All heavy atoms as atom14 arrays in JSON, in Angstrom:
{
  "sequence": "DLPLSDVLALYEAVEWLAYTKDPDTLQKALQGSST",
  "atom14_mask": [
    [1, 1, 1, 1, 1, 1, 1, 1, 0, 0, 0, 0, 0, 0],
    [1, 1, 1, 1, 1, 1, 1, 1, 0, 0, 0, 0, 0, 0],
    [1, 1, 1, 1, 1, 1, 1, 0, 0, 0, 0, 0, 0, 0],
    [1, 1, 1, 1, 1, 1, 1, 1, 0, 0, 0, 0, 0, 0],
    [1, 1, 1, 1, 1, 1, 0, 0, 0, 0, 0, 0, 0, 0],
    [1, 1, 1, 1, 1, 1, 1, 1, 0, 0, 0, 0, 0, 0],
    [1, 1, 1, 1, 1, 1, 1, 0, 0, 0, 0, 0, 0, 0],
    [1, 1, 1, 1, 1, 1, 1, 1, 0, 0, 0, 0, 0, 0],
    [1, 1, 1, 1, 1, 0, 0, 0, 0, 0, 0, 0, 0, 0],
    [1, 1, 1, 1, 1, 1, 1, 1, 0, 0, 0, 0, 0, 0],
    [1, 1, 1, 1, 1, 1, 1, 1, 1, 1, 1, 1, 0, 0],
    [1, 1, 1, 1, 1, 1, 1, 1, 1, 0, 0, 0, 0, 0],
    [1, 1, 1, 1, 1, 0, 0, 0, 0, 0, 0, 0, 0, 0],
    [1, 1, 1, 1, 1, 1, 1, 0, 0, 0, 0, 0, 0, 0],
    [1, 1, 1, 1, 1, 1, 1, 1, 1, 0, 0, 0, 0, 0],
    [1, 1, 1, 1, 1, 1, 1, 1, 1, 1, 1, 1, 1, 1],
    [1, 1, 1, 1, 1, 1, 1, 1, 0, 0, 0, 0, 0, 0],
    [1, 1, 1, 1, 1, 0, 0, 0, 0, 0, 0, 0, 0, 0],
    [1, 1, 1, 1, 1, 1, 1, 1, 1, 1, 1, 1, 0, 0],
    [1, 1, 1, 1, 1, 1, 1, 0, 0, 0, 0, 0, 0, 0],
    [1, 1, 1, 1, 1, 1, 1, 1, 1, 0, 0, 0, 0, 0],
    [1, 1, 1, 1, 1, 1, 1, 1, 0, 0, 0, 0, 0, 0],
    [1, 1, 1, 1, 1, 1, 1, 0, 0, 0, 0, 0, 0, 0],
    [1, 1, 1, 1, 1, 1, 1, 1, 0, 0, 0, 0, 0, 0],
    [1, 1, 1, 1, 1, 1, 1, 0, 0, 0, 0, 0, 0, 0],
    [1, 1, 1, 1, 1, 1, 1, 1, 0, 0, 0, 0, 0, 0],
    [1, 1, 1, 1, 1, 1, 1, 1, 1, 0, 0, 0, 0, 0],
    [1, 1, 1, 1, 1, 1, 1, 1, 1, 0, 0, 0, 0, 0],
    [1, 1, 1, 1, 1, 0, 0, 0, 0, 0, 0, 0, 0, 0],
    [1, 1, 1, 1, 1, 1, 1, 1, 0, 0, 0, 0, 0, 0],
    [1, 1, 1, 1, 1, 1, 1, 1, 1, 0, 0, 0, 0, 0],
    [1, 1, 1, 1, 0, 0, 0, 0, 0, 0, 0, 0, 0, 0],
    [1, 1, 1, 1, 1, 1, 0, 0, 0, 0, 0, 0, 0, 0],
    [1, 1, 1, 1, 1, 1, 0, 0, 0, 0, 0, 0, 0, 0],
    [1, 1, 1, 1, 1, 1, 1, 0, 0, 0, 0, 0, 0, 0]
  ],
  "atom14_positions": [
    [[-12.9, -8.0, -19.93], [-12.1, -7.07, -20.73], [-11.11, -6.27, -19.9], [-10.33, -5.5, -20.45], [-13.01, -6.09, -21.48], [-13.96, -6.78, -22.44], [-13.6, -7.86, -22.96], [-15.06, -6.23, -22.68], [0.0, 0.0, 0.0], [0.0, 0.0, 0.0], [0.0, 0.0, 0.0], [0.0, 0.0, 0.0], [0.0, 0.0, 0.0], [0.0, 0.0, 0.0]],
    [[-11.19, -6.41, -18.58], [-10.34, -5.65, -17.67], [-9.32, -6.57, -17.02], [-9.67, -7.33, -16.12], [-11.19, -4.99, -16.58], [-12.15, -3.9, -17.02], [-13.06, -3.52, -15.87], [-11.39, -2.69, -17.53], [0.0, 0.0, 0.0], [0.0, 0.0, 0.0], [0.0, 0.0, 0.0], [0.0, 0.0, 0.0], [0.0, 0.0, 0.0], [0.0, 0.0, 0.0]],
    [[-8.07, -6.51, -17.43], [-7.06, -7.32, -16.75], [-7.02, -6.96, -15.26], [-6.96, -5.77, -14.92], [-5.75, -6.95, -17.45], [-6.17, -6.42, -18.78], [-7.51, -5.76, -18.55], [0.0, 0.0, 0.0], [0.0, 0.0, 0.0], [0.0, 0.0, 0.0], [0.0, 0.0, 0.0], [0.0, 0.0, 0.0], [0.0, 0.0, 0.0], [0.0, 0.0, 0.0]],
    [[-7.07, -7.96, -14.41], [-7.1, -7.71, -12.97], [-5.89, -6.9, -12.53], [-6.0, -6.04, -11.66], [-7.2, -9.03, -12.19], [-7.36, -8.9, -10.68], [-8.59, -8.07, -10.32], [-7.44, -10.27, -10.04], [0.0, 0.0, 0.0], [0.0, 0.0, 0.0], [0.0, 0.0, 0.0], [0.0, 0.0, 0.0], [0.0, 0.0, 0.0], [0.0, 0.0, 0.0]],
    [[-4.74, -7.12, -13.14], [-3.54, -6.36, -12.76], [-3.74, -4.86, -13.03], [-3.29, -4.02, -12.24], [-2.32, -6.88, -13.51], [-2.52, -6.77, -14.92], [0.0, 0.0, 0.0], [0.0, 0.0, 0.0], [0.0, 0.0, 0.0], [0.0, 0.0, 0.0], [0.0, 0.0, 0.0], [0.0, 0.0, 0.0], [0.0, 0.0, 0.0], [0.0, 0.0, 0.0]],
    [[-4.43, -4.51, -14.1], [-4.7, -3.1, -14.4], [-5.66, -2.51, -13.38], [-5.49, -1.37, -12.94], [-5.31, -2.96, -15.8], [-4.34, -3.29, -16.92], [-3.15, -3.54, -16.63], [-4.78, -3.29, -18.08], [0.0, 0.0, 0.0], [0.0, 0.0, 0.0], [0.0, 0.0, 0.0], [0.0, 0.0, 0.0], [0.0, 0.0, 0.0], [0.0, 0.0, 0.0]],
    [[-6.68, -3.27, -13.03], [-7.67, -2.81, -12.06], [-7.01, -2.63, -10.69], [-7.21, -1.61, -10.02], [-8.86, -3.78, -11.98], [-9.83, -3.36, -10.88], [-9.58, -3.86, -13.32], [0.0, 0.0, 0.0], [0.0, 0.0, 0.0], [0.0, 0.0, 0.0], [0.0, 0.0, 0.0], [0.0, 0.0, 0.0], [0.0, 0.0, 0.0], [0.0, 0.0, 0.0]],
    [[-6.2, -3.59, -10.28], [-5.5, -3.48, -9.0], [-4.59, -2.27, -8.97], [-4.52, -1.56, -7.95], [-4.72, -4.76, -8.71], [-5.56, -5.97, -8.35], [-4.7, -7.25, -8.37], [-6.22, -5.8, -6.98], [0.0, 0.0, 0.0], [0.0, 0.0, 0.0], [0.0, 0.0, 0.0], [0.0, 0.0, 0.0], [0.0, 0.0, 0.0], [0.0, 0.0, 0.0]],
    [[-3.9, -2.0, -10.06], [-3.01, -0.83, -10.13], [-3.82, 0.47, -9.98], [-3.37, 1.41, -9.31], [-2.23, -0.83, -11.44], [0.0, 0.0, 0.0], [0.0, 0.0, 0.0], [0.0, 0.0, 0.0], [0.0, 0.0, 0.0], [0.0, 0.0, 0.0], [0.0, 0.0, 0.0], [0.0, 0.0, 0.0], [0.0, 0.0, 0.0], [0.0, 0.0, 0.0]],
    [[-5.01, 0.52, -10.58], [-5.86, 1.71, -10.47], [-6.34, 1.88, -9.02], [-6.24, 2.98, -8.47], [-7.05, 1.6, -11.42], [-8.09, 2.72, -11.33], [-7.47, 4.09, -11.62], [-9.25, 2.42, -12.27], [0.0, 0.0, 0.0], [0.0, 0.0, 0.0], [0.0, 0.0, 0.0], [0.0, 0.0, 0.0], [0.0, 0.0, 0.0], [0.0, 0.0, 0.0]],
    [[-6.85, 0.82, -8.42], [-7.32, 0.91, -7.03], [-6.17, 1.28, -6.09], [-6.36, 2.03, -5.14], [-7.99, -0.4, -6.6], [-9.43, -0.51, -7.02], [-9.77, -0.87, -8.32], [-10.47, -0.28, -6.13], [-11.09, -0.98, -8.72], [-11.79, -0.39, -6.5], [-12.11, -0.74, -7.81], [-13.42, -0.84, -8.2], [0.0, 0.0, 0.0], [0.0, 0.0, 0.0]],
    [[-4.99, 0.77, -6.37], [-3.83, 1.11, -5.56], [-3.45, 2.58, -5.74], [-3.11, 3.27, -4.78], [-2.65, 0.21, -5.93], [-1.51, 0.29, -4.93], [-0.49, -0.81, -5.18], [-0.84, -1.99, -4.98], [0.64, -0.46, -5.56], [0.0, 0.0, 0.0], [0.0, 0.0, 0.0], [0.0, 0.0, 0.0], [0.0, 0.0, 0.0], [0.0, 0.0, 0.0]],
    [[-3.54, 3.08, -6.96], [-3.2, 4.47, -7.24], [-4.08, 5.45, -6.47], [-3.63, 6.53, -6.09], [-3.28, 4.75, -8.74], [0.0, 0.0, 0.0], [0.0, 0.0, 0.0], [0.0, 0.0, 0.0], [0.0, 0.0, 0.0], [0.0, 0.0, 0.0], [0.0, 0.0, 0.0], [0.0, 0.0, 0.0], [0.0, 0.0, 0.0], [0.0, 0.0, 0.0]],
    [[-5.34, 5.07, -6.25], [-6.25, 5.94, -5.5], [-6.32, 5.56, -4.02], [-7.13, 6.1, -3.27], [-7.67, 5.98, -6.13], [-7.61, 6.54, -7.53], [-8.33, 4.62, -6.1], [0.0, 0.0, 0.0], [0.0, 0.0, 0.0], [0.0, 0.0, 0.0], [0.0, 0.0, 0.0], [0.0, 0.0, 0.0], [0.0, 0.0, 0.0], [0.0, 0.0, 0.0]],
    [[-5.49, 4.6, -3.64], [-5.34, 4.14, -2.25], [-6.6, 3.53, -1.68], [-6.91, 3.69, -0.51], [-4.82, 5.29, -1.37], [-3.45, 5.77, -1.8], [-2.89, 6.9, -0.94], [-3.57, 7.34, 0.03], [-1.76, 7.32, -1.21], [0.0, 0.0, 0.0], [0.0, 0.0, 0.0], [0.0, 0.0, 0.0], [0.0, 0.0, 0.0], [0.0, 0.0, 0.0]],
    [[-7.34, 2.81, -2.51], [-8.47, 2.03, -2.03], [-7.96, 0.64, -1.72], [-8.25, -0.33, -2.41], [-9.58, 2.0, -3.07], [-10.31, 3.31, -3.21], [-9.92, 4.53, -2.76], [-11.55, 3.51, -3.87], [-10.84, 5.48, -3.1], [-11.85, 4.89, -3.79], [-12.42, 2.67, -4.54], [-13.01, 5.43, -4.34], [-13.56, 3.21, -5.08], [-13.86, 4.58, -4.97]],
    [[-7.18, 0.55, -0.68], [-6.42, -0.66, -0.39], [-7.28, -1.81, 0.13], [-6.86, -2.97, 0.05], [-5.29, -0.33, 0.58], [-4.35, 0.79, 0.08], [-3.27, 1.07, 1.12], [-3.77, 0.48, -1.27], [0.0, 0.0, 0.0], [0.0, 0.0, 0.0], [0.0, 0.0, 0.0], [0.0, 0.0, 0.0], [0.0, 0.0, 0.0], [0.0, 0.0, 0.0]],
    [[-8.47, -1.53, 0.64], [-9.35, -2.63, 1.07], [-9.67, -3.54, -0.11], [-9.85, -4.74, 0.06], [-10.63, -2.07, 1.68], [0.0, 0.0, 0.0], [0.0, 0.0, 0.0], [0.0, 0.0, 0.0], [0.0, 0.0, 0.0], [0.0, 0.0, 0.0], [0.0, 0.0, 0.0], [0.0, 0.0, 0.0], [0.0, 0.0, 0.0], [0.0, 0.0, 0.0]],
    [[-9.72, -2.97, -1.3], [-9.99, -3.75, -2.51], [-8.76, -4.53, -2.96], [-8.87, -5.64, -3.45], [-10.44, -2.84, -3.66], [-11.82, -2.26, -3.5], [-12.02, -1.06, -2.81], [-12.92, -2.9, -4.04], [-13.28, -0.53, -2.69], [-14.19, -2.37, -3.92], [-14.37, -1.18, -3.24], [-15.63, -0.66, -3.11], [0.0, 0.0, 0.0], [0.0, 0.0, 0.0]],
    [[-7.59, -3.93, -2.81], [-6.38, -4.57, -3.32], [-5.89, -5.69, -2.41], [-5.13, -6.54, -2.86], [-5.25, -3.54, -3.51], [-4.92, -2.94, -2.25], [-5.67, -2.46, -4.49], [0.0, 0.0, 0.0], [0.0, 0.0, 0.0], [0.0, 0.0, 0.0], [0.0, 0.0, 0.0], [0.0, 0.0, 0.0], [0.0, 0.0, 0.0], [0.0, 0.0, 0.0]],
    [[-6.35, -5.71, -1.18], [-5.95, -6.77, -0.24], [-6.55, -8.12, -0.6], [-6.05, -9.15, -0.17], [-6.35, -6.4, 1.19], [-5.54, -5.27, 1.76], [-6.02, -4.93, 3.16], [-5.28, -3.73, 3.7], [-5.77, -3.32, 5.02], [0.0, 0.0, 0.0], [0.0, 0.0, 0.0], [0.0, 0.0, 0.0], [0.0, 0.0, 0.0], [0.0, 0.0, 0.0]],
    [[-7.66, -8.1, -1.34], [-8.35, -9.34, -1.68], [-8.74, -9.33, -3.16], [-9.89, -9.06, -3.52], [-9.59, -9.5, -0.79], [-10.24, -10.85, -0.92], [-9.84, -11.65, -1.8], [-11.18, -11.12, -0.15], [0.0, 0.0, 0.0], [0.0, 0.0, 0.0], [0.0, 0.0, 0.0], [0.0, 0.0, 0.0], [0.0, 0.0, 0.0], [0.0, 0.0, 0.0]],
    [[-7.76, -9.58, -4.04], [-8.02, -9.52, -5.48], [-9.14, -10.44, -5.97], [-9.87, -10.09, -6.89], [-6.68, -9.91, -6.11], [-5.66, -9.62, -5.06], [-6.35, -9.86, -3.75], [0.0, 0.0, 0.0], [0.0, 0.0, 0.0], [0.0, 0.0, 0.0], [0.0, 0.0, 0.0], [0.0, 0.0, 0.0], [0.0, 0.0, 0.0], [0.0, 0.0, 0.0]],
    [[-9.29, -11.6, -5.33], [-10.35, -12.52, -5.76], [-11.74, -11.91, -5.54], [-12.62, -12.03, -6.39], [-10.25, -13.86, -5.02], [-9.03, -14.66, -5.43], [-8.52, -14.45, -6.56], [-8.56, -15.49, -4.64], [0.0, 0.0, 0.0], [0.0, 0.0, 0.0], [0.0, 0.0, 0.0], [0.0, 0.0, 0.0], [0.0, 0.0, 0.0], [0.0, 0.0, 0.0]],
    [[-11.92, -11.25, -4.4], [-13.2, -10.62, -4.12], [-13.43, -9.45, -5.07], [-14.55, -9.25, -5.56], [-13.26, -10.13, -2.66], [-13.17, -11.29, -1.81], [-14.55, -9.39, -2.36], [0.0, 0.0, 0.0], [0.0, 0.0, 0.0], [0.0, 0.0, 0.0], [0.0, 0.0, 0.0], [0.0, 0.0, 0.0], [0.0, 0.0, 0.0], [0.0, 0.0, 0.0]],
    [[-12.39, -8.68, -5.37], [-12.52, -7.59, -6.33], [-12.93, -8.13, -7.7], [-13.83, -7.58, -8.35], [-11.22, -6.79, -6.44], [-11.22, -5.65, -7.45], [-12.36, -4.66, -7.21], [-9.88, -4.95, -7.45], [0.0, 0.0, 0.0], [0.0, 0.0, 0.0], [0.0, 0.0, 0.0], [0.0, 0.0, 0.0], [0.0, 0.0, 0.0], [0.0, 0.0, 0.0]],
    [[-12.33, -9.22, -8.13], [-12.68, -9.83, -9.42], [-14.15, -10.26, -9.43], [-14.87, -10.02, -10.39], [-11.78, -11.02, -9.72], [-12.03, -11.65, -11.07], [-11.63, -10.75, -12.23], [-10.56, -10.17, -12.22], [-12.49, -10.62, -13.2], [0.0, 0.0, 0.0], [0.0, 0.0, 0.0], [0.0, 0.0, 0.0], [0.0, 0.0, 0.0], [0.0, 0.0, 0.0]],
    [[-14.6, -10.87, -8.35], [-16.01, -11.28, -8.26], [-16.94, -10.07, -8.28], [-18.01, -10.11, -8.88], [-16.24, -12.1, -6.99], [-15.63, -13.48, -7.05], [-15.81, -14.21, -5.73], [-15.07, -15.53, -5.74], [-15.09, -16.2, -4.44], [0.0, 0.0, 0.0], [0.0, 0.0, 0.0], [0.0, 0.0, 0.0], [0.0, 0.0, 0.0], [0.0, 0.0, 0.0]],
    [[-16.52, -8.99, -7.62], [-17.32, -7.77, -7.6], [-17.45, -7.19, -9.01], [-18.54, -6.77, -9.42], [-16.71, -6.74, -6.65], [0.0, 0.0, 0.0], [0.0, 0.0, 0.0], [0.0, 0.0, 0.0], [0.0, 0.0, 0.0], [0.0, 0.0, 0.0], [0.0, 0.0, 0.0], [0.0, 0.0, 0.0], [0.0, 0.0, 0.0], [0.0, 0.0, 0.0]],
    [[-16.36, -7.19, -9.74], [-16.4, -6.7, -11.12], [-17.34, -7.56, -11.96], [-18.17, -7.04, -12.72], [-15.0, -6.7, -11.74], [-13.99, -5.73, -11.12], [-12.6, -6.02, -11.67], [-14.39, -4.29, -11.34], [0.0, 0.0, 0.0], [0.0, 0.0, 0.0], [0.0, 0.0, 0.0], [0.0, 0.0, 0.0], [0.0, 0.0, 0.0], [0.0, 0.0, 0.0]],
    [[-17.23, -8.86, -11.82], [-18.07, -9.78, -12.59], [-19.55, -9.65, -12.24], [-20.42, -9.85, -13.08], [-17.61, -11.22, -12.38], [-16.25, -11.49, -13.0], [-15.65, -12.82, -12.57], [-16.1, -13.46, -11.62], [-14.61, -13.24, -13.28], [0.0, 0.0, 0.0], [0.0, 0.0, 0.0], [0.0, 0.0, 0.0], [0.0, 0.0, 0.0], [0.0, 0.0, 0.0]],
    [[-19.84, -9.3, -10.99], [-21.22, -9.17, -10.54], [-21.83, -7.8, -10.78], [-23.0, -7.58, -10.48], [0.0, 0.0, 0.0], [0.0, 0.0, 0.0], [0.0, 0.0, 0.0], [0.0, 0.0, 0.0], [0.0, 0.0, 0.0], [0.0, 0.0, 0.0], [0.0, 0.0, 0.0], [0.0, 0.0, 0.0], [0.0, 0.0, 0.0], [0.0, 0.0, 0.0]],
    [[-21.05, -6.89, -11.33], [-21.54, -5.53, -11.58], [-22.52, -5.52, -12.75], [-22.37, -6.27, -13.71], [-20.37, -4.6, -11.88], [-19.52, -4.51, -10.76], [0.0, 0.0, 0.0], [0.0, 0.0, 0.0], [0.0, 0.0, 0.0], [0.0, 0.0, 0.0], [0.0, 0.0, 0.0], [0.0, 0.0, 0.0], [0.0, 0.0, 0.0], [0.0, 0.0, 0.0]],
    [[-23.49, -4.64, -12.68], [-24.45, -4.47, -13.77], [-23.81, -3.74, -14.95], [-24.08, -4.05, -16.1], [-25.66, -3.68, -13.29], [-26.24, -4.29, -12.17], [0.0, 0.0, 0.0], [0.0, 0.0, 0.0], [0.0, 0.0, 0.0], [0.0, 0.0, 0.0], [0.0, 0.0, 0.0], [0.0, 0.0, 0.0], [0.0, 0.0, 0.0], [0.0, 0.0, 0.0]],
    [[-23.0, -2.74, -14.62], [-22.34, -1.94, -15.64], [-20.94, -1.58, -15.17], [-20.74, -1.21, -14.02], [-23.12, -0.63, -15.91], [-24.44, -0.96, -16.33], [-22.45, 0.21, -16.98], [0.0, 0.0, 0.0], [0.0, 0.0, 0.0], [0.0, 0.0, 0.0], [0.0, 0.0, 0.0], [0.0, 0.0, 0.0], [0.0, 0.0, 0.0], [0.0, 0.0, 0.0]]
  ]
}
């Protein structure tokens, strides 16, 4: 339900750039989350 582009924009806005450097890993992390 979360477009990756929206999530990347949010992480970029808070300057959590380690997440934005590897969008595939961020997507997997979201999918693997419990909540």
